[in-house]
Amino acid sequence: MNEKMIIDQCVKTWEQRVAQASKLIDSLSEWAMDKEVAPGRNKVVYVIGHLLVVHDKLVEGMEFGERSYADLDPLFLDAQQPDAKYPETAWIKENWHKLNEFLNQKFNEMPVADWLSKHAYVSAEDFALQPERNKLNLLLSRTNHLSSHNGQLVLVKKTD
């Protein structure tokens, strides 16, 4: 199996996980957004906003340009704060779709050499020692991250 086929499989898995999450996110009621994913855990709106910000960081990490939602980092990357004011659910959902459409397009345009190059979060020195810290690895780690949060949202949906 050649490198291109492996990369295509990884991108396809990413796209499937994003589609699964998008379908789930779209199906959640407004009531569910304020619900905790488990007792004493993050609210659904936090989890979805967290995924938006983490995926936004892929824009930077993959060197596709500037991030669009960096101003939301304190709200969605730090621990959830009980009295936090979140953006409107419709805004989060709309921007989730827009961002992931952009990422999917960029991923499908990337040549193999770019996938195997260093991502923006690793230094040239560290990459020389660990060439597996490449853009494909970044995509794989974010795909796993998304899968984990998809599991949380599925549990909420069952009680929605």
Protein backbone atom coordinates (compact mmCIF):
# COMPACT_ATOMS: atom_id res chain seq x y z
CA MET A 1 0.00 0.00 0.00
CA ASN A 2 1.45 3.39 -0.91
CA GLU A 3 1.57 6.52 1.22
CA LYS A 4 -1.19 8.27 -0.75
CA MET A 5 -3.63 5.42 -0.11
CA ILE A 6 -2.88 5.47 3.62
CA ILE A 7 -3.30 9.24 3.81
CA ASP A 8 -6.56 9.03 1.86
CA GLN A 9 -7.87 6.46 4.35
CA CYS A 10 -6.94 8.71 7.28
CA VAL A 11 -8.65 11.71 5.68
CA LYS A 12 -11.73 9.60 4.94
CA THR A 13 -11.88 8.52 8.59
CA TRP A 14 -11.59 12.18 9.67
CA GLU A 15 -14.43 13.13 7.31
CA GLN A 16 -16.60 10.29 8.63
CA ARG A 17 -16.04 11.35 12.26
CA VAL A 18 -16.80 14.99 11.42
CA ALA A 19 -19.97 13.95 9.57
CA GLN A 20 -21.01 11.79 12.53
CA ALA A 21 -20.40 14.65 14.97
CA SER A 22 -22.17 17.16 12.71
CA LYS A 23 -25.26 14.98 12.43
CA LEU A 24 -25.31 14.52 16.20
CA ILE A 25 -24.71 18.21 16.92
CA ASP A 26 -27.48 19.23 14.52
CA SER A 27 -29.90 16.80 16.17
CA LEU A 28 -29.40 18.09 19.71
CA SER A 29 -32.17 20.29 21.02
CA GLU A 30 -31.56 23.71 22.52
CA TRP A 31 -32.43 22.16 25.88
CA ALA A 32 -29.61 19.63 25.52
CA MET A 33 -26.98 22.38 25.08
CA ASP A 34 -27.17 23.24 28.77
CA LYS A 35 -27.07 19.61 29.87
CA GLU A 36 -23.95 18.08 31.43
CA VAL A 37 -22.40 15.18 29.50
CA ALA A 38 -22.24 13.39 32.87
CA PRO A 39 -22.98 14.56 36.42
CA GLY A 40 -20.44 17.21 37.38
CA ARG A 41 -18.92 17.24 33.88
CA ASN A 42 -18.87 19.77 31.03
CA LYS A 43 -22.04 21.04 29.41
CA VAL A 44 -22.82 20.02 25.85
CA VAL A 45 -22.38 23.60 24.59
CA TYR A 46 -18.89 23.60 26.11
CA VAL A 47 -17.98 20.32 24.40
CA ILE A 48 -19.17 21.56 21.01
CA GLY A 49 -17.39 24.90 21.45
CA HIS A 50 -14.28 23.03 22.58
CA LEU A 51 -14.35 20.95 19.39
CA LEU A 52 -14.78 24.12 17.31
CA VAL A 53 -11.71 25.72 18.90
CA VAL A 54 -9.59 22.55 18.67
CA HIS A 55 -10.48 22.18 14.98
CA ASP A 56 -9.72 25.87 14.48
CA LYS A 57 -6.25 25.17 15.84
CA LEU A 58 -5.82 22.71 12.95
CA VAL A 59 -5.88 25.69 10.58
CA GLU A 60 -2.79 27.00 12.32
CA GLY A 61 -1.17 23.62 12.95
CA MET A 62 -1.52 22.56 9.31
CA GLU A 63 -0.34 26.00 8.18
CA PHE A 64 -3.52 26.81 6.23
CA GLY A 65 -3.61 30.38 7.51
CA GLU A 66 -4.81 32.33 10.51
CA ARG A 67 -7.29 30.96 13.02
CA SER A 68 -10.81 32.37 13.07
CA TYR A 69 -11.82 31.62 16.68
CA ALA A 70 -8.68 32.17 18.76
CA ASP A 71 -10.62 34.64 20.92
CA LEU A 72 -12.68 31.67 22.19
CA ASP A 73 -9.65 29.78 23.55
CA PRO A 74 -10.09 30.94 27.17
CA LEU A 75 -13.76 29.96 27.08
CA PHE A 76 -13.35 26.52 25.49
CA LEU A 77 -9.80 25.33 26.17
CA ASP A 78 -9.62 26.21 29.86
CA ALA A 79 -11.75 24.32 32.36
CA GLN A 80 -15.45 25.10 32.06
CA GLN A 81 -16.47 27.99 34.28
CA PRO A 82 -19.90 27.72 35.93
CA ASP A 83 -21.04 31.24 35.02
CA ALA A 84 -19.55 31.37 31.52
CA LYS A 85 -21.53 33.12 28.79
CA TYR A 86 -21.40 31.04 25.63
CA PRO A 87 -22.07 32.13 22.07
CA GLU A 88 -25.50 31.31 20.64
CA THR A 89 -25.93 27.64 19.78
CA ALA A 90 -26.90 28.50 16.19
CA TRP A 91 -23.67 30.50 15.80
CA ILE A 92 -21.55 27.63 17.13
CA LYS A 93 -23.28 25.11 14.82
CA GLU A 94 -22.96 27.37 11.77
CA ASN A 95 -19.27 27.98 12.37
CA TRP A 96 -18.65 24.29 13.13
CA HIS A 97 -19.95 23.42 9.65
CA LYS A 98 -18.11 26.25 7.91
CA LEU A 99 -14.77 25.41 9.57
CA ASN A 100 -14.98 21.69 8.87
CA GLU A 101 -15.92 22.28 5.22
CA PHE A 102 -12.79 24.43 4.92
CA LEU A 103 -10.61 21.80 6.62
CA ASN A 104 -12.00 18.95 4.51
CA GLN A 105 -11.29 20.90 1.33
CA LYS A 106 -7.73 21.69 2.42
CA PHE A 107 -7.05 18.12 3.52
CA ASN A 108 -8.17 16.78 0.16
CA GLU A 109 -5.88 19.22 -1.67
CA MET A 110 -2.72 18.40 0.33
CA PRO A 111 0.03 16.52 -1.47
CA VAL A 112 1.67 13.56 0.28
CA ALA A 113 4.86 15.51 0.97
CA ASP A 114 2.89 18.12 2.96
CA TRP A 115 1.24 15.43 5.07
CA LEU A 116 4.64 14.06 6.03
CA SER A 117 6.12 17.47 6.85
CA LYS A 118 6.29 18.99 10.31
CA HIS A 119 3.25 20.72 11.72
CA ALA A 120 3.39 24.20 13.24
CA TYR A 121 3.41 22.97 16.85
CA VAL A 122 6.72 21.12 16.65
CA SER A 123 10.13 22.73 16.32
CA ALA A 124 12.46 21.87 13.44
CA GLU A 125 14.90 20.39 15.97
CA ASP A 126 12.30 18.12 17.55
CA PHE A 127 10.95 17.12 14.14
CA ALA A 128 14.44 16.09 13.04
CA LEU A 129 14.55 13.73 16.03
CA GLN A 130 10.92 12.60 15.71
CA PRO A 131 9.74 12.81 12.09
CA GLU A 132 6.52 11.06 13.05
CA ARG A 133 5.42 14.39 14.56
CA ASN A 134 4.06 15.38 11.17
CA LYS A 135 0.79 16.79 9.87
CA LEU A 136 -0.70 13.35 9.35
CA ASN A 137 -0.04 12.55 13.01
CA LEU A 138 -1.76 15.81 13.98
CA LEU A 139 -4.82 14.81 11.96
CA LEU A 140 -4.86 11.36 13.59
CA SER A 141 -4.67 12.81 17.09
CA ARG A 142 -7.52 15.25 16.34
CA THR A 143 -9.60 12.44 14.83
CA ASN A 144 -9.19 10.44 18.04
CA HIS A 145 -10.02 13.51 20.11
CA LEU A 146 -13.20 14.03 18.10
CA SER A 147 -14.17 10.37 18.49
CA SER A 148 -13.87 10.66 22.26
CA HIS A 149 -16.16 13.68 22.40
CA ASN A 150 -18.58 12.08 19.94
CA GLY A 151 -19.01 9.33 22.53
CA GLN A 152 -19.93 11.89 25.17
CA LEU A 153 -22.47 13.54 22.90
CA VAL A 154 -24.05 10.20 22.00
CA LEU A 155 -24.75 9.60 25.69
CA VAL A 156 -26.45 12.99 25.97
CA LYS A 157 -28.49 12.40 22.84
CA LYS A 158 -29.89 9.21 24.35
CA THR A 159 -31.39 11.27 27.17
CA ASP A 160 -32.36 14.31 25.08
